[in-house]
Amino acid sequence: MTEERRAAPRQRVLKGGRIVINDGFSTFQCTVRNLSEAGARLKVASIIGIPDTFDLGMDDGRKHACTVVWRTANEIGVKFG
């Protein structure tokens, strides 16, 4: 069994979002798959072109400054702040 390393427990969600870079001139669609006060797991079509820091705009109006913690071909784990 793996040890839980997250600062806050995450809830499974299925919310639309946008990865925003270049002061809002470039965006990538994403799906927020799980979410906590400290971070999230994002599903994307491809990680190509997504930098290590960006803003996440969620369809419910919330916005977060994000730093990438891990990546796979189609998912990104981020921490907020």
PDB file of N, CA and C in Angstrom:
ATOM      1  N   MET A   1       0.840  -1.183   0.000  1.00  0.00           N
ATOM      2  CA  MET A   1       0.000   0.000   0.000  1.00  0.00           C
ATOM      3  C   MET A   1       0.883   1.243   0.000  1.00  0.00           C
ATOM      4  N   THR A   2       0.554   2.219  -0.830  1.00  0.00           N
ATOM      5  CA  THR A   2       1.383   3.416  -0.917  1.00  0.00           C
ATOM      6  C   THR A   2       0.995   4.408   0.154  1.00  0.00           C
ATOM      7  N   GLU A   3       1.967   5.186   0.556  1.00  0.00           N
ATOM      8  CA  GLU A   3       1.746   6.195   1.582  1.00  0.00           C
ATOM      9  C   GLU A   3       1.137   7.447   0.958  1.00  0.00           C
ATOM     10  N   GLU A   4       0.145   8.007   1.604  1.00  0.00           N
ATOM     11  CA  GLU A   4      -0.497   9.232   1.135  1.00  0.00           C
ATOM     12  C   GLU A   4       0.439  10.407   1.390  1.00  0.00           C
ATOM     13  N   ARG A   5       0.830  11.121   0.323  1.00  0.00           N
ATOM     14  CA  ARG A   5       1.775  12.225   0.470  1.00  0.00           C
ATOM     15  C   ARG A   5       1.112  13.582   0.299  1.00  0.00           C
ATOM     16  N   ARG A   6      -0.162  13.610  -0.005  1.00  0.00           N
ATOM     17  CA  ARG A   6      -0.841  14.879  -0.239  1.00  0.00           C
ATOM     18  C   ARG A   6      -1.068  15.624   1.070  1.00  0.00           C
ATOM     19  N   ALA A   7      -1.005  16.958   0.978  1.00  0.00           N
ATOM     20  CA  ALA A   7      -1.222  17.790   2.157  1.00  0.00           C
ATOM     21  C   ALA A   7      -2.699  17.810   2.552  1.00  0.00           C
ATOM     22  N   ALA A   8      -3.579  17.629   1.573  1.00  0.00           N
ATOM     23  CA  ALA A   8      -5.022  17.632   1.831  1.00  0.00           C
ATOM     24  C   ALA A   8      -5.660  16.508   1.028  1.00  0.00           C
ATOM     25  N   PRO A   9      -6.683  15.849   1.587  1.00  0.00           N
ATOM     26  CA  PRO A   9      -7.329  14.766   0.834  1.00  0.00           C
ATOM     27  C   PRO A   9      -8.023  15.297  -0.415  1.00  0.00           C
ATOM     28  N   ARG A  10      -7.994  14.502  -1.486  1.00  0.00           N
ATOM     29  CA  ARG A  10      -8.612  14.922  -2.744  1.00  0.00           C
ATOM     30  C   ARG A  10      -9.950  14.224  -2.924  1.00  0.00           C
ATOM     31  N   GLN A  11     -10.869  14.915  -3.570  1.00  0.00           N
ATOM     32  CA  GLN A  11     -12.165  14.356  -3.916  1.00  0.00           C
ATOM     33  C   GLN A  11     -12.196  14.107  -5.408  1.00  0.00           C
ATOM     34  N   ARG A  12     -12.801  12.999  -5.821  1.00  0.00           N
ATOM     35  CA  ARG A  12     -12.975  12.741  -7.250  1.00  0.00           C
ATOM     36  C   ARG A  12     -14.030  13.692  -7.786  1.00  0.00           C
ATOM     37  N   VAL A  13     -13.699  14.330  -8.892  1.00  0.00           N
ATOM     38  CA  VAL A  13     -14.631  15.250  -9.536  1.00  0.00           C
ATOM     39  C   VAL A  13     -14.522  15.062 -11.045  1.00  0.00           C
ATOM     40  N   LEU A  14     -15.427  15.662 -11.771  1.00  0.00           N
ATOM     41  CA  LEU A  14     -15.377  15.658 -13.224  1.00  0.00           C
ATOM     42  C   LEU A  14     -15.843  17.039 -13.667  1.00  0.00           C
ATOM     43  N   LYS A  15     -14.900  17.984 -13.688  1.00  0.00           N
ATOM     44  CA  LYS A  15     -15.225  19.375 -13.992  1.00  0.00           C
ATOM     45  C   LYS A  15     -14.401  19.843 -15.185  1.00  0.00           C
ATOM     46  N   GLY A  16     -14.988  20.694 -15.983  1.00  0.00           N
ATOM     47  CA  GLY A  16     -14.258  21.285 -17.089  1.00  0.00           C
ATOM     48  C   GLY A  16     -13.351  22.396 -16.610  1.00  0.00           C
ATOM     49  N   GLY A  17     -12.269  22.611 -17.344  1.00  0.00           N
ATOM     50  CA  GLY A  17     -11.345  23.677 -16.979  1.00  0.00           C
ATOM     51  C   GLY A  17     -10.493  24.082 -18.165  1.00  0.00           C
ATOM     52  N   ARG A  18      -9.706  25.124 -17.923  1.00  0.00           N
ATOM     53  CA  ARG A  18      -8.789  25.633 -18.929  1.00  0.00           C
ATOM     54  C   ARG A  18      -7.447  25.926 -18.290  1.00  0.00           C
ATOM     55  N   ILE A  19      -6.383  25.450 -18.927  1.00  0.00           N
ATOM     56  CA  ILE A  19      -5.020  25.807 -18.549  1.00  0.00           C
ATOM     57  C   ILE A  19      -4.714  27.089 -19.302  1.00  0.00           C
ATOM     58  N   VAL A  20      -4.381  28.149 -18.566  1.00  0.00           N
ATOM     59  CA  VAL A  20      -4.202  29.470 -19.162  1.00  0.00           C
ATOM     60  C   VAL A  20      -2.732  29.876 -19.046  1.00  0.00           C
ATOM     61  N   ILE A  21      -2.125  30.224 -20.206  1.00  0.00           N
ATOM     62  CA  ILE A  21      -0.739  30.690 -20.229  1.00  0.00           C
ATOM     63  C   ILE A  21      -0.652  31.941 -21.092  1.00  0.00           C
ATOM     64  N   ASN A  22       0.507  32.560 -21.122  1.00  0.00           N
ATOM     65  CA  ASN A  22       0.753  33.759 -21.940  1.00  0.00           C
ATOM     66  C   ASN A  22      -0.253  34.866 -21.647  1.00  0.00           C
ATOM     67  N   ASP A  23      -0.475  35.136 -20.369  1.00  0.00           N
ATOM     68  CA  ASP A  23      -1.408  36.199 -19.944  1.00  0.00           C
ATOM     69  C   ASP A  23      -2.791  36.034 -20.557  1.00  0.00           C
ATOM     70  N   GLY A  24      -3.223  34.791 -20.743  1.00  0.00           N
ATOM     71  CA  GLY A  24      -4.557  34.522 -21.251  1.00  0.00           C
ATOM     72  C   GLY A  24      -4.660  34.398 -22.753  1.00  0.00           C
ATOM     73  N   PHE A  25      -3.558  34.597 -23.471  1.00  0.00           N
ATOM     74  CA  PHE A  25      -3.597  34.497 -24.930  1.00  0.00           C
ATOM     75  C   PHE A  25      -3.620  33.055 -25.426  1.00  0.00           C
ATOM     76  N   SER A  26      -3.179  32.111 -24.590  1.00  0.00           N
ATOM     77  CA  SER A  26      -3.182  30.696 -24.974  1.00  0.00           C
ATOM     78  C   SER A  26      -3.886  29.895 -23.894  1.00  0.00           C
ATOM     79  N   THR A  27      -4.752  28.960 -24.318  1.00  0.00           N
ATOM     80  CA  THR A  27      -5.432  28.085 -23.363  1.00  0.00           C
ATOM     81  C   THR A  27      -5.443  26.659 -23.882  1.00  0.00           C
ATOM     82  N   PHE A  28      -5.511  25.722 -22.945  1.00  0.00           N
ATOM     83  CA  PHE A  28      -5.645  24.299 -23.239  1.00  0.00           C
ATOM     84  C   PHE A  28      -6.861  23.810 -22.464  1.00  0.00           C
ATOM     85  N   GLN A  29      -7.761  23.106 -23.128  1.00  0.00           N
ATOM     86  CA  GLN A  29      -8.904  22.515 -22.433  1.00  0.00           C
ATOM     87  C   GLN A  29      -8.396  21.365 -21.563  1.00  0.00           C
ATOM     88  N   CYS A  30      -9.019  21.188 -20.395  1.00  0.00           N
ATOM     89  CA  CYS A  30      -8.676  20.066 -19.532  1.00  0.00           C
ATOM     90  C   CYS A  30      -9.909  19.642 -18.752  1.00  0.00           C
ATOM     91  N   THR A  31      -9.801  18.475 -18.143  1.00  0.00           N
ATOM     92  CA  THR A  31     -10.834  17.989 -17.234  1.00  0.00           C
ATOM     93  C   THR A  31     -10.186  17.808 -15.877  1.00  0.00           C
ATOM     94  N   VAL A  32     -10.789  18.393 -14.844  1.00  0.00           N
ATOM     95  CA  VAL A  32     -10.297  18.234 -13.478  1.00  0.00           C
ATOM     96  C   VAL A  32     -10.851  16.906 -12.971  1.00  0.00           C
ATOM     97  N   ARG A  33      -9.952  15.955 -12.676  1.00  0.00           N
ATOM     98  CA  ARG A  33     -10.375  14.609 -12.285  1.00  0.00           C
ATOM     99  C   ARG A  33     -10.435  14.421 -10.776  1.00  0.00           C
ATOM    100  N   ASN A  34      -9.544  15.090 -10.050  1.00  0.00           N
ATOM    101  CA  ASN A  34      -9.707  15.134  -8.602  1.00  0.00           C
ATOM    102  C   ASN A  34      -9.168  16.456  -8.104  1.00  0.00           C
ATOM    103  N   LEU A  35      -9.616  16.844  -6.914  1.00  0.00           N
ATOM    104  CA  LEU A  35      -9.413  18.209  -6.455  1.00  0.00           C
ATOM    105  C   LEU A  35      -9.321  18.244  -4.943  1.00  0.00           C
ATOM    106  N   SER A  36      -8.418  19.079  -4.422  1.00  0.00           N
ATOM    107  CA  SER A  36      -8.340  19.356  -2.989  1.00  0.00           C
ATOM    108  C   SER A  36      -8.033  20.839  -2.828  1.00  0.00           C
ATOM    109  N   GLU A  37      -7.910  21.262  -1.589  1.00  0.00           N
ATOM    110  CA  GLU A  37      -7.530  22.657  -1.333  1.00  0.00           C
ATOM    111  C   GLU A  37      -6.107  22.919  -1.807  1.00  0.00           C
ATOM    112  N   ALA A  38      -5.282  21.863  -1.875  1.00  0.00           N
ATOM    113  CA  ALA A  38      -3.861  22.033  -2.174  1.00  0.00           C
ATOM    114  C   ALA A  38      -3.482  21.763  -3.630  1.00  0.00           C
ATOM    115  N   GLY A  39      -4.330  21.046  -4.401  1.00  0.00           N
ATOM    116  CA  GLY A  39      -3.943  20.713  -5.761  1.00  0.00           C
ATOM    117  C   GLY A  39      -5.008  19.938  -6.505  1.00  0.00           C
ATOM    118  N   ALA A  40      -4.619  19.421  -7.685  1.00  0.00           N
ATOM    119  CA  ALA A  40      -5.578  18.720  -8.540  1.00  0.00           C
ATOM    120  C   ALA A  40      -4.860  17.800  -9.508  1.00  0.00           C
ATOM    121  N   ARG A  41      -5.640  16.878 -10.090  1.00  0.00           N
ATOM    122  CA  ARG A  41      -5.180  16.034 -11.190  1.00  0.00           C
ATOM    123  C   ARG A  41      -5.979  16.434 -12.421  1.00  0.00           C
ATOM    124  N   LEU A  42      -5.265  16.809 -13.486  1.00  0.00           N
ATOM    125  CA  LEU A  42      -5.889  17.305 -14.704  1.00  0.00           C
ATOM    126  C   LEU A  42      -5.679  16.318 -15.832  1.00  0.00           C
ATOM    127  N   LYS A  43      -6.725  16.049 -16.592  1.00  0.00           N
ATOM    128  CA  LYS A  43      -6.624  15.209 -17.796  1.00  0.00           C
ATOM    129  C   LYS A  43      -6.590  16.144 -18.992  1.00  0.00           C
ATOM    130  N   VAL A  44      -5.607  15.931 -19.868  1.00  0.00           N
ATOM    131  CA  VAL A  44      -5.427  16.774 -21.047  1.00  0.00           C
ATOM    132  C   VAL A  44      -5.260  15.893 -22.282  1.00  0.00           C
ATOM    133  N   ALA A  45      -5.487  16.470 -23.464  1.00  0.00           N
ATOM    134  CA  ALA A  45      -5.280  15.720 -24.704  1.00  0.00           C
ATOM    135  C   ALA A  45      -3.810  15.388 -24.879  1.00  0.00           C
ATOM    136  N   SER A  46      -2.932  16.330 -24.513  1.00  0.00           N
ATOM    137  CA  SER A  46      -1.486  16.140 -24.608  1.00  0.00           C
ATOM    138  C   SER A  46      -0.809  17.145 -23.690  1.00  0.00           C
ATOM    139  N   ILE A  47       0.318  16.754 -23.123  1.00  0.00           N
ATOM    140  CA  ILE A  47       1.057  17.676 -22.259  1.00  0.00           C
ATOM    141  C   ILE A  47       1.989  18.584 -23.055  1.00  0.00           C
ATOM    142  N   ILE A  48       2.102  18.358 -24.350  1.00  0.00           N
ATOM    143  CA  ILE A  48       3.019  19.146 -25.177  1.00  0.00           C
ATOM    144  C   ILE A  48       2.606  20.611 -25.157  1.00  0.00           C
ATOM    145  N   GLY A  49       3.549  21.478 -24.828  1.00  0.00           N
ATOM    146  CA  GLY A  49       3.299  22.915 -24.808  1.00  0.00           C
ATOM    147  C   GLY A  49       2.809  23.459 -23.482  1.00  0.00           C
ATOM    148  N   ILE A  50       2.557  22.592 -22.518  1.00  0.00           N
ATOM    149  CA  ILE A  50       2.082  23.060 -21.215  1.00  0.00           C
ATOM    150  C   ILE A  50       3.292  23.273 -20.311  1.00  0.00           C
ATOM    151  N   PRO A  51       3.490  24.513 -19.836  1.00  0.00           N
ATOM    152  CA  PRO A  51       4.675  24.825 -19.024  1.00  0.00           C
ATOM    153  C   PRO A  51       4.544  24.313 -17.586  1.00  0.00           C
ATOM    154  N   ASP A  52       5.607  24.504 -16.790  1.00  0.00           N
ATOM    155  CA  ASP A  52       5.633  24.037 -15.408  1.00  0.00           C
ATOM    156  C   ASP A  52       4.766  24.875 -14.476  1.00  0.00           C
ATOM    157  N   THR A  53       4.441  26.100 -14.866  1.00  0.00           N
ATOM    158  CA  THR A  53       3.540  26.937 -14.072  1.00  0.00           C
ATOM    159  C   THR A  53       2.496  27.538 -15.008  1.00  0.00           C
ATOM    160  N   PHE A  54       1.269  27.633 -14.526  1.00  0.00           N
ATOM    161  CA  PHE A  54       0.168  28.188 -15.316  1.00  0.00           C
ATOM    162  C   PHE A  54      -1.000  28.500 -14.392  1.00  0.00           C
ATOM    163  N   ASP A  55      -2.013  29.143 -14.931  1.00  0.00           N
ATOM    164  CA  ASP A  55      -3.249  29.389 -14.197  1.00  0.00           C
ATOM    165  C   ASP A  55      -4.292  28.381 -14.659  1.00  0.00           C
ATOM    166  N   LEU A  56      -5.083  27.894 -13.718  1.00  0.00           N
ATOM    167  CA  LEU A  56      -6.175  26.980 -14.019  1.00  0.00           C
ATOM    168  C   LEU A  56      -7.481  27.722 -13.810  1.00  0.00           C
ATOM    169  N   GLY A  57      -8.262  27.847 -14.871  1.00  0.00           N
ATOM    170  CA  GLY A  57      -9.594  28.437 -14.766  1.00  0.00           C
ATOM    171  C   GLY A  57     -10.618  27.328 -14.843  1.00  0.00           C
ATOM    172  N   MET A  58     -11.441  27.217 -13.813  1.00  0.00           N
ATOM    173  CA  MET A  58     -12.444  26.151 -13.783  1.00  0.00           C
ATOM    174  C   MET A  58     -13.797  26.692 -14.246  1.00  0.00           C
ATOM    175  N   ASP A  59     -14.620  25.802 -14.804  1.00  0.00           N
ATOM    176  CA  ASP A  59     -15.909  26.206 -15.341  1.00  0.00           C
ATOM    177  C   ASP A  59     -16.840  26.786 -14.278  1.00  0.00           C
ATOM    178  N   ASP A  60     -16.578  26.490 -13.001  1.00  0.00           N
ATOM    179  CA  ASP A  60     -17.420  27.047 -11.941  1.00  0.00           C
ATOM    180  C   ASP A  60     -16.948  28.430 -11.490  1.00  0.00           C
ATOM    181  N   GLY A  61     -15.949  28.990 -12.202  1.00  0.00           N
ATOM    182  CA  GLY A  61     -15.485  30.348 -11.910  1.00  0.00           C
ATOM    183  C   GLY A  61     -14.253  30.441 -11.038  1.00  0.00           C
ATOM    184  N   ARG A  62     -13.844  29.343 -10.419  1.00  0.00           N
ATOM    185  CA  ARG A  62     -12.653  29.383  -9.571  1.00  0.00           C
ATOM    186  C   ARG A  62     -11.400  29.441 -10.434  1.00  0.00           C
ATOM    187  N   LYS A  63     -10.369  30.107  -9.899  1.00  0.00           N
ATOM    188  CA  LYS A  63      -9.077  30.189 -10.580  1.00  0.00           C
ATOM    189  C   LYS A  63      -7.978  29.859  -9.589  1.00  0.00           C
ATOM    190  N   HIS A  64      -6.948  29.171 -10.086  1.00  0.00           N
ATOM    191  CA  HIS A  64      -5.820  28.783  -9.241  1.00  0.00           C
ATOM    192  C   HIS A  64      -4.522  28.979 -10.006  1.00  0.00           C
ATOM    193  N   ALA A  65      -3.502  29.487  -9.330  1.00  0.00           N
ATOM    194  CA  ALA A  65      -2.139  29.473  -9.864  1.00  0.00           C
ATOM    195  C   ALA A  65      -1.591  28.083  -9.578  1.00  0.00           C
ATOM    196  N   CYS A  66      -1.025  27.419 -10.592  1.00  0.00           N
ATOM    197  CA  CYS A  66      -0.599  26.027 -10.462  1.00  0.00           C
ATOM    198  C   CYS A  66       0.879  25.842 -10.775  1.00  0.00           C
ATOM    199  N   THR A  67       1.477  24.883 -10.078  1.00  0.00           N
ATOM    200  CA  THR A  67       2.826  24.410 -10.376  1.00  0.00           C
ATOM    201  C   THR A  67       2.735  22.907 -10.605  1.00  0.00           C
ATOM    202  N   VAL A  68       3.317  22.433 -11.696  1.00  0.00           N
ATOM    203  CA  VAL A  68       3.273  21.010 -12.031  1.00  0.00           C
ATOM    204  C   VAL A  68       4.153  20.227 -11.065  1.00  0.00           C
ATOM    205  N   VAL A  69       3.592  19.133 -10.525  1.00  0.00           N
ATOM    206  CA  VAL A  69       4.319  18.242  -9.629  1.00  0.00           C
ATOM    207  C   VAL A  69       4.717  16.973 -10.367  1.00  0.00           C
ATOM    208  N   TRP A  70       3.844  16.470 -11.243  1.00  0.00           N
ATOM    209  CA  TRP A  70       4.143  15.282 -12.049  1.00  0.00           C
ATOM    210  C   TRP A  70       3.360  15.353 -13.357  1.00  0.00           C
ATOM    211  N   ARG A  71       3.820  14.549 -14.343  1.00  0.00           N
ATOM    212  CA  ARG A  71       3.171  14.482 -15.661  1.00  0.00           C
ATOM    213  C   ARG A  71       3.206  13.053 -16.176  1.00  0.00           C
ATOM    214  N   THR A  72       2.155  12.700 -16.926  1.00  0.00           N
ATOM    215  CA  THR A  72       2.170  11.509 -17.772  1.00  0.00           C
ATOM    216  C   THR A  72       1.798  12.021 -19.155  1.00  0.00           C
ATOM    217  N   ALA A  73       1.572  11.135 -20.124  1.00  0.00           N
ATOM    218  CA  ALA A  73       1.246  11.564 -21.475  1.00  0.00           C
ATOM    219  C   ALA A  73      -0.062  12.348 -21.543  1.00  0.00           C
ATOM    220  N   ASN A  74      -1.022  12.038 -20.648  1.00  0.00           N
ATOM    221  CA  ASN A  74      -2.331  12.671 -20.711  1.00  0.00           C
ATOM    222  C   ASN A  74      -2.821  13.268 -19.397  1.00  0.00           C
ATOM    223  N   GLU A  75      -1.987  13.279 -18.379  1.00  0.00           N
ATOM    224  CA  GLU A  75      -2.414  13.825 -17.088  1.00  0.00           C
ATOM    225  C   GLU A  75      -1.311  14.668 -16.471  1.00  0.00           C
ATOM    226  N   ILE A  76      -1.735  15.623 -15.667  1.00  0.00           N
ATOM    227  CA  ILE A  76      -0.816  16.508 -14.962  1.00  0.00           C
ATOM    228  C   ILE A  76      -1.290  16.612 -13.522  1.00  0.00           C
ATOM    229  N   GLY A  77      -0.371  16.429 -12.580  1.00  0.00           N
ATOM    230  CA  GLY A  77      -0.651  16.676 -11.176  1.00  0.00           C
ATOM    231  C   GLY A  77      -0.096  18.038 -10.809  1.00  0.00           C
ATOM    232  N   VAL A  78      -0.934  18.879 -10.186  1.00  0.00           N
ATOM    233  CA  VAL A  78      -0.506  20.240  -9.851  1.00  0.00           C
ATOM    234  C   VAL A  78      -0.749  20.540  -8.388  1.00  0.00           C
ATOM    235  N   LYS A  79       0.062  21.464  -7.880  1.00  0.00           N
ATOM    236  CA  LYS A  79      -0.205  22.032  -6.561  1.00  0.00           C
ATOM    237  C   LYS A  79      -0.591  23.483  -6.760  1.00  0.00           C
ATOM    238  N   PHE A  80      -1.456  23.985  -5.906  1.00  0.00           N
ATOM    239  CA  PHE A  80      -1.930  25.356  -5.999  1.00  0.00           C
ATOM    240  C   PHE A  80      -1.013  26.284  -5.215  1.00  0.00           C
ATOM    241  N   GLY A  81      -0.908  27.498  -5.717  1.00  0.00           N
ATOM    242  CA  GLY A  81      -0.134  28.514  -5.011  1.00  0.00           C
ATOM    243  C   GLY A  81       1.138  28.886  -5.711  1.00  0.00           C
TER     244      GLY A  81
END
